[in-house]
Amino acid sequence: MHRYHEQFGHTVLHLHADASGLTDTEHRRSLELFQAEAAPVLRRDIPDPPFDWGPVLPASPVAGLPARA
């Protein structure tokens, strides 16, 4: 995950916790381990950037034209 961030600048990454081949107990332990060990490091090392959130304009009914406020 650090490599993805370094190469592409991603601050949001979707992870799929595939349970194939794991028992329910093993899968849960895997998720708990990620949450306890990996997630805090990722939150520390790759913080969310500050966003200047504003109102979202509705999409224009005509493709390619800007939305009207």
PDB file of N, CA and C in Angstrom:
ATOM      1  N   MET A   1       0.817  -1.178   0.000  1.00  0.00           N
ATOM      2  CA  MET A   1       0.000   0.000   0.000  1.00  0.00           C
ATOM      3  C   MET A   1       0.863   1.244   0.000  1.00  0.00           C
ATOM      4  N   HIS A   2       1.958   1.197   0.702  1.00  0.00           N
ATOM      5  CA  HIS A   2       2.876   2.335   0.674  1.00  0.00           C
ATOM      6  C   HIS A   2       3.426   2.546  -0.741  1.00  0.00           C
ATOM      7  N   ARG A   3       3.716   1.454  -1.448  1.00  0.00           N
ATOM      8  CA  ARG A   3       4.221   1.582  -2.825  1.00  0.00           C
ATOM      9  C   ARG A   3       3.185   2.222  -3.736  1.00  0.00           C
ATOM     10  N   TYR A   4       1.929   1.823  -3.611  1.00  0.00           N
ATOM     11  CA  TYR A   4       0.871   2.442  -4.415  1.00  0.00           C
ATOM     12  C   TYR A   4       0.834   3.945  -4.157  1.00  0.00           C
ATOM     13  N   HIS A   5       0.889   4.323  -2.885  1.00  0.00           N
ATOM     14  CA  HIS A   5       0.849   5.742  -2.544  1.00  0.00           C
ATOM     15  C   HIS A   5       2.067   6.469  -3.119  1.00  0.00           C
ATOM     16  N   GLU A   6       3.236   5.886  -2.988  1.00  0.00           N
ATOM     17  CA  GLU A   6       4.452   6.519  -3.504  1.00  0.00           C
ATOM     18  C   GLU A   6       4.397   6.673  -5.021  1.00  0.00           C
ATOM     19  N   GLN A   7       3.908   5.647  -5.722  1.00  0.00           N
ATOM     20  CA  GLN A   7       3.911   5.680  -7.177  1.00  0.00           C
ATOM     21  C   GLN A   7       2.744   6.459  -7.769  1.00  0.00           C
ATOM     22  N   PHE A   8       1.579   6.393  -7.145  1.00  0.00           N
ATOM     23  CA  PHE A   8       0.389   6.975  -7.745  1.00  0.00           C
ATOM     24  C   PHE A   8      -0.232   8.113  -6.937  1.00  0.00           C
ATOM     25  N   GLY A   9       0.206   8.292  -5.706  1.00  0.00           N
ATOM     26  CA  GLY A   9      -0.333   9.362  -4.876  1.00  0.00           C
ATOM     27  C   GLY A   9      -1.702   9.090  -4.289  1.00  0.00           C
ATOM     28  N   HIS A  10      -2.170   7.848  -4.366  1.00  0.00           N
ATOM     29  CA  HIS A  10      -3.486   7.522  -3.820  1.00  0.00           C
ATOM     30  C   HIS A  10      -3.526   7.761  -2.317  1.00  0.00           C
ATOM     31  N   THR A  11      -4.612   8.334  -1.862  1.00  0.00           N
ATOM     32  CA  THR A  11      -4.851   8.428  -0.422  1.00  0.00           C
ATOM     33  C   THR A  11      -6.076   7.601  -0.040  1.00  0.00           C
ATOM     34  N   VAL A  12      -6.772   7.086  -1.036  1.00  0.00           N
ATOM     35  CA  VAL A  12      -7.915   6.208  -0.807  1.00  0.00           C
ATOM     36  C   VAL A  12      -7.670   4.932  -1.606  1.00  0.00           C
ATOM     37  N   LEU A  13      -7.802   3.812  -0.963  1.00  0.00           N
ATOM     38  CA  LEU A  13      -7.564   2.536  -1.626  1.00  0.00           C
ATOM     39  C   LEU A  13      -8.619   1.544  -1.151  1.00  0.00           C
ATOM     40  N   HIS A  14      -9.271   0.907  -2.105  1.00  0.00           N
ATOM     41  CA  HIS A  14     -10.264  -0.111  -1.762  1.00  0.00           C
ATOM     42  C   HIS A  14      -9.549  -1.443  -1.590  1.00  0.00           C
ATOM     43  N   LEU A  15      -9.771  -2.083  -0.464  1.00  0.00           N
ATOM     44  CA  LEU A  15      -9.185  -3.386  -0.194  1.00  0.00           C
ATOM     45  C   LEU A  15     -10.302  -4.410  -0.089  1.00  0.00           C
ATOM     46  N   HIS A  16     -10.076  -5.553  -0.678  1.00  0.00           N
ATOM     47  CA  HIS A  16     -11.042  -6.638  -0.600  1.00  0.00           C
ATOM     48  C   HIS A  16     -10.462  -7.727   0.291  1.00  0.00           C
ATOM     49  N   ALA A  17     -11.167  -8.067   1.323  1.00  0.00           N
ATOM     50  CA  ALA A  17     -10.707  -9.089   2.261  1.00  0.00           C
ATOM     51  C   ALA A  17     -11.313 -10.431   1.863  1.00  0.00           C
ATOM     52  N   ASP A  18     -10.714 -11.067   0.888  1.00  0.00           N
ATOM     53  CA  ASP A  18     -11.211 -12.337   0.362  1.00  0.00           C
ATOM     54  C   ASP A  18     -11.058 -13.427   1.411  1.00  0.00           C
ATOM     55  N   ALA A  19     -12.142 -14.121   1.665  1.00  0.00           N
ATOM     56  CA  ALA A  19     -12.141 -15.176   2.678  1.00  0.00           C
ATOM     57  C   ALA A  19     -11.936 -16.558   2.077  1.00  0.00           C
ATOM     58  N   SER A  20     -11.713 -16.642   0.774  1.00  0.00           N
ATOM     59  CA  SER A  20     -11.540 -17.949   0.128  1.00  0.00           C
ATOM     60  C   SER A  20     -10.426 -18.740   0.799  1.00  0.00           C
ATOM     61  N   GLY A  21     -10.736 -19.947   1.171  1.00  0.00           N
ATOM     62  CA  GLY A  21      -9.745 -20.828   1.766  1.00  0.00           C
ATOM     63  C   GLY A  21      -9.546 -20.633   3.255  1.00  0.00           C
ATOM     64  N   LEU A  22     -10.234 -19.655   3.839  1.00  0.00           N
ATOM     65  CA  LEU A  22     -10.101 -19.414   5.268  1.00  0.00           C
ATOM     66  C   LEU A  22     -11.377 -19.835   5.984  1.00  0.00           C
ATOM     67  N   THR A  23     -11.213 -20.273   7.199  1.00  0.00           N
ATOM     68  CA  THR A  23     -12.394 -20.513   8.024  1.00  0.00           C
ATOM     69  C   THR A  23     -12.941 -19.151   8.465  1.00  0.00           C
ATOM     70  N   ASP A  24     -14.157 -19.136   8.983  1.00  0.00           N
ATOM     71  CA  ASP A  24     -14.714 -17.876   9.486  1.00  0.00           C
ATOM     72  C   ASP A  24     -13.821 -17.279  10.565  1.00  0.00           C
ATOM     73  N   THR A  25     -13.296 -18.118  11.428  1.00  0.00           N
ATOM     74  CA  THR A  25     -12.412 -17.648  12.506  1.00  0.00           C
ATOM     75  C   THR A  25     -11.124 -17.054  11.944  1.00  0.00           C
ATOM     76  N   GLU A  26     -10.522 -17.714  10.965  1.00  0.00           N
ATOM     77  CA  GLU A  26      -9.289 -17.206  10.347  1.00  0.00           C
ATOM     78  C   GLU A  26      -9.538 -15.884   9.624  1.00  0.00           C
ATOM     79  N   HIS A  27     -10.657 -15.808   8.921  1.00  0.00           N
ATOM     80  CA  HIS A  27     -10.984 -14.582   8.198  1.00  0.00           C
ATOM     81  C   HIS A  27     -11.175 -13.424   9.165  1.00  0.00           C
ATOM     82  N   ARG A  28     -11.923 -13.663  10.236  1.00  0.00           N
ATOM     83  CA  ARG A  28     -12.132 -12.617  11.238  1.00  0.00           C
ATOM     84  C   ARG A  28     -10.811 -12.197  11.867  1.00  0.00           C
ATOM     85  N   ARG A  29      -9.958 -13.146  12.176  1.00  0.00           N
ATOM     86  CA  ARG A  29      -8.650 -12.838  12.775  1.00  0.00           C
ATOM     87  C   ARG A  29      -7.809 -12.003  11.804  1.00  0.00           C
ATOM     88  N   SER A  30      -7.884 -12.324  10.522  1.00  0.00           N
ATOM     89  CA  SER A  30      -7.160 -11.562   9.513  1.00  0.00           C
ATOM     90  C   SER A  30      -7.625 -10.102   9.483  1.00  0.00           C
ATOM     91  N   LEU A  31      -8.938  -9.905   9.518  1.00  0.00           N
ATOM     92  CA  LEU A  31      -9.492  -8.547   9.530  1.00  0.00           C
ATOM     93  C   LEU A  31      -9.101  -7.805  10.809  1.00  0.00           C
ATOM     94  N   GLU A  32      -9.164  -8.498  11.933  1.00  0.00           N
ATOM     95  CA  GLU A  32      -8.786  -7.886  13.207  1.00  0.00           C
ATOM     96  C   GLU A  32      -7.301  -7.508  13.215  1.00  0.00           C
ATOM     97  N   LEU A  33      -6.470  -8.369  12.661  1.00  0.00           N
ATOM     98  CA  LEU A  33      -5.034  -8.094  12.598  1.00  0.00           C
ATOM     99  C   LEU A  33      -4.764  -6.871  11.721  1.00  0.00           C
ATOM    100  N   PHE A  34      -5.438  -6.789  10.566  1.00  0.00           N
ATOM    101  CA  PHE A  34      -5.272  -5.621   9.707  1.00  0.00           C
ATOM    102  C   PHE A  34      -5.682  -4.354  10.453  1.00  0.00           C
ATOM    103  N   GLN A  35      -6.833  -4.392  11.115  1.00  0.00           N
ATOM    104  CA  GLN A  35      -7.331  -3.225  11.838  1.00  0.00           C
ATOM    105  C   GLN A  35      -6.398  -2.821  12.983  1.00  0.00           C
ATOM    106  N   ALA A  36      -5.831  -3.796  13.663  1.00  0.00           N
ATOM    107  CA  ALA A  36      -4.978  -3.502  14.815  1.00  0.00           C
ATOM    108  C   ALA A  36      -3.558  -3.111  14.426  1.00  0.00           C
ATOM    109  N   GLU A  37      -3.013  -3.730  13.379  1.00  0.00           N
ATOM    110  CA  GLU A  37      -1.594  -3.530  13.054  1.00  0.00           C
ATOM    111  C   GLU A  37      -1.352  -2.661  11.822  1.00  0.00           C
ATOM    112  N   ALA A  38      -2.059  -2.917  10.745  1.00  0.00           N
ATOM    113  CA  ALA A  38      -1.775  -2.221   9.488  1.00  0.00           C
ATOM    114  C   ALA A  38      -2.498  -0.876   9.382  1.00  0.00           C
ATOM    115  N   ALA A  39      -3.774  -0.844   9.716  1.00  0.00           N
ATOM    116  CA  ALA A  39      -4.559   0.386   9.544  1.00  0.00           C
ATOM    117  C   ALA A  39      -3.979   1.585  10.300  1.00  0.00           C
ATOM    118  N   PRO A  40      -3.560   1.437  11.557  1.00  0.00           N
ATOM    119  CA  PRO A  40      -2.994   2.603  12.254  1.00  0.00           C
ATOM    120  C   PRO A  40      -1.732   3.142  11.572  1.00  0.00           C
ATOM    121  N   VAL A  41      -0.913   2.256  11.047  1.00  0.00           N
ATOM    122  CA  VAL A  41       0.310   2.689  10.350  1.00  0.00           C
ATOM    123  C   VAL A  41      -0.054   3.439   9.073  1.00  0.00           C
ATOM    124  N   LEU A  42      -1.023   2.916   8.328  1.00  0.00           N
ATOM    125  CA  LEU A  42      -1.451   3.581   7.094  1.00  0.00           C
ATOM    126  C   LEU A  42      -2.064   4.942   7.395  1.00  0.00           C
ATOM    127  N   ARG A  43      -2.883   5.035   8.431  1.00  0.00           N
ATOM    128  CA  ARG A  43      -3.484   6.326   8.795  1.00  0.00           C
ATOM    129  C   ARG A  43      -2.406   7.338   9.181  1.00  0.00           C
ATOM    130  N   ARG A  44      -1.374   6.876   9.855  1.00  0.00           N
ATOM    131  CA  ARG A  44      -0.289   7.766  10.274  1.00  0.00           C
ATOM    132  C   ARG A  44       0.562   8.193   9.082  1.00  0.00           C
ATOM    133  N   ASP A  45       0.925   7.233   8.227  1.00  0.00           N
ATOM    134  CA  ASP A  45       1.854   7.501   7.139  1.00  0.00           C
ATOM    135  C   ASP A  45       1.221   8.145   5.917  1.00  0.00           C
ATOM    136  N   ILE A  46      -0.068   7.894   5.702  1.00  0.00           N
ATOM    137  CA  ILE A  46      -0.754   8.418   4.520  1.00  0.00           C
ATOM    138  C   ILE A  46      -2.024   9.121   4.994  1.00  0.00           C
ATOM    139  N   PRO A  47      -1.877  10.323   5.552  1.00  0.00           N
ATOM    140  CA  PRO A  47      -3.060  11.019   6.055  1.00  0.00           C
ATOM    141  C   PRO A  47      -3.924  11.524   4.910  1.00  0.00           C
ATOM    142  N   ASP A  48      -5.201  11.685   5.192  1.00  0.00           N
ATOM    143  CA  ASP A  48      -6.107  12.253   4.202  1.00  0.00           C
ATOM    144  C   ASP A  48      -5.711  13.698   3.936  1.00  0.00           C
ATOM    145  N   PRO A  49      -5.715  14.098   2.681  1.00  0.00           N
ATOM    146  CA  PRO A  49      -5.405  15.498   2.383  1.00  0.00           C
ATOM    147  C   PRO A  49      -6.586  16.386   2.760  1.00  0.00           C
ATOM    148  N   PRO A  50      -6.316  17.633   3.071  1.00  0.00           N
ATOM    149  CA  PRO A  50      -7.437  18.532   3.348  1.00  0.00           C
ATOM    150  C   PRO A  50      -8.164  18.845   2.041  1.00  0.00           C
ATOM    151  N   PHE A  51      -9.467  18.768   2.058  1.00  0.00           N
ATOM    152  CA  PHE A  51     -10.267  19.070   0.878  1.00  0.00           C
ATOM    153  C   PHE A  51     -11.051  20.356   1.130  1.00  0.00           C
ATOM    154  N   ASP A  52     -11.134  21.166   0.114  1.00  0.00           N
ATOM    155  CA  ASP A  52     -11.942  22.368   0.177  1.00  0.00           C
ATOM    156  C   ASP A  52     -13.318  21.994  -0.360  1.00  0.00           C
ATOM    157  N   TRP A  53     -14.156  21.433   0.517  1.00  0.00           N
ATOM    158  CA  TRP A  53     -15.464  20.951   0.089  1.00  0.00           C
ATOM    159  C   TRP A  53     -16.379  22.111  -0.179  1.00  0.00           C
ATOM    160  N   GLY A  54     -17.144  21.980  -1.202  1.00  0.00           N
ATOM    161  CA  GLY A  54     -18.129  22.994  -1.547  1.00  0.00           C
ATOM    162  C   GLY A  54     -19.384  22.330  -2.045  1.00  0.00           C
ATOM    163  N   PRO A  55     -20.360  23.129  -2.423  1.00  0.00           N
ATOM    164  CA  PRO A  55     -21.598  22.538  -2.925  1.00  0.00           C
ATOM    165  C   PRO A  55     -21.359  21.779  -4.227  1.00  0.00           C
ATOM    166  N   VAL A  56     -22.081  20.713  -4.382  1.00  0.00           N
ATOM    167  CA  VAL A  56     -21.993  19.906  -5.599  1.00  0.00           C
ATOM    168  C   VAL A  56     -23.124  20.326  -6.520  1.00  0.00           C
ATOM    169  N   LEU A  57     -22.770  20.711  -7.744  1.00  0.00           N
ATOM    170  CA  LEU A  57     -23.776  21.135  -8.705  1.00  0.00           C
ATOM    171  C   LEU A  57     -24.383  19.925  -9.387  1.00  0.00           C
ATOM    172  N   PRO A  58     -25.652  19.988  -9.731  1.00  0.00           N
ATOM    173  CA  PRO A  58     -26.259  18.864 -10.450  1.00  0.00           C
ATOM    174  C   PRO A  58     -25.625  18.714 -11.825  1.00  0.00           C
ATOM    175  N   ALA A  59     -25.610  17.510 -12.326  1.00  0.00           N
ATOM    176  CA  ALA A  59     -25.027  17.247 -13.637  1.00  0.00           C
ATOM    177  C   ALA A  59     -25.847  17.942 -14.711  1.00  0.00           C
ATOM    178  N   SER A  60     -25.166  18.378 -15.751  1.00  0.00           N
ATOM    179  CA  SER A  60     -25.836  19.021 -16.877  1.00  0.00           C
ATOM    180  C   SER A  60     -26.605  17.969 -17.685  1.00  0.00           C
ATOM    181  N   PRO A  61     -27.803  18.323 -18.154  1.00  0.00           N
ATOM    182  CA  PRO A  61     -28.554  17.361 -18.960  1.00  0.00           C
ATOM    183  C   PRO A  61     -27.942  17.147 -20.339  1.00  0.00           C
ATOM    184  N   VAL A  62     -27.051  18.053 -20.760  1.00  0.00           N
ATOM    185  CA  VAL A  62     -26.402  17.936 -22.065  1.00  0.00           C
ATOM    186  C   VAL A  62     -24.937  17.619 -21.841  1.00  0.00           C
ATOM    187  N   ALA A  63     -24.483  16.502 -22.348  1.00  0.00           N
ATOM    188  CA  ALA A  63     -23.095  16.075 -22.161  1.00  0.00           C
ATOM    189  C   ALA A  63     -22.139  17.154 -22.669  1.00  0.00           C
ATOM    190  N   GLY A  64     -21.114  17.417 -21.873  1.00  0.00           N
ATOM    191  CA  GLY A  64     -20.073  18.352 -22.291  1.00  0.00           C
ATOM    192  C   GLY A  64     -20.337  19.782 -21.897  1.00  0.00           C
ATOM    193  N   LEU A  65     -21.557  20.114 -21.434  1.00  0.00           N
ATOM    194  CA  LEU A  65     -21.855  21.473 -21.023  1.00  0.00           C
ATOM    195  C   LEU A  65     -21.777  21.566 -19.494  1.00  0.00           C
ATOM    196  N   PRO A  66     -21.305  22.689 -18.988  1.00  0.00           N
ATOM    197  CA  PRO A  66     -21.217  22.814 -17.531  1.00  0.00           C
ATOM    198  C   PRO A  66     -22.602  22.875 -16.904  1.00  0.00           C
ATOM    199  N   ALA A  67     -22.673  22.409 -15.671  1.00  0.00           N
ATOM    200  CA  ALA A  67     -23.936  22.472 -14.936  1.00  0.00           C
ATOM    201  C   ALA A  67     -24.245  23.914 -14.581  1.00  0.00           C
ATOM    202  N   ARG A  68     -25.519  24.238 -14.482  1.00  0.00           N
ATOM    203  CA  ARG A  68     -25.917  25.597 -14.103  1.00  0.00           C
ATOM    204  C   ARG A  68     -26.179  25.653 -12.610  1.00  0.00           C
ATOM    205  N   ALA A  69     -25.760  26.730 -11.992  1.00  0.00           N
ATOM    206  CA  ALA A  69     -25.964  26.891 -10.555  1.00  0.00           C
ATOM    207  C   ALA A  69     -27.385  27.305 -10.247  1.00  0.00           C
TER     208      ALA A  69
END
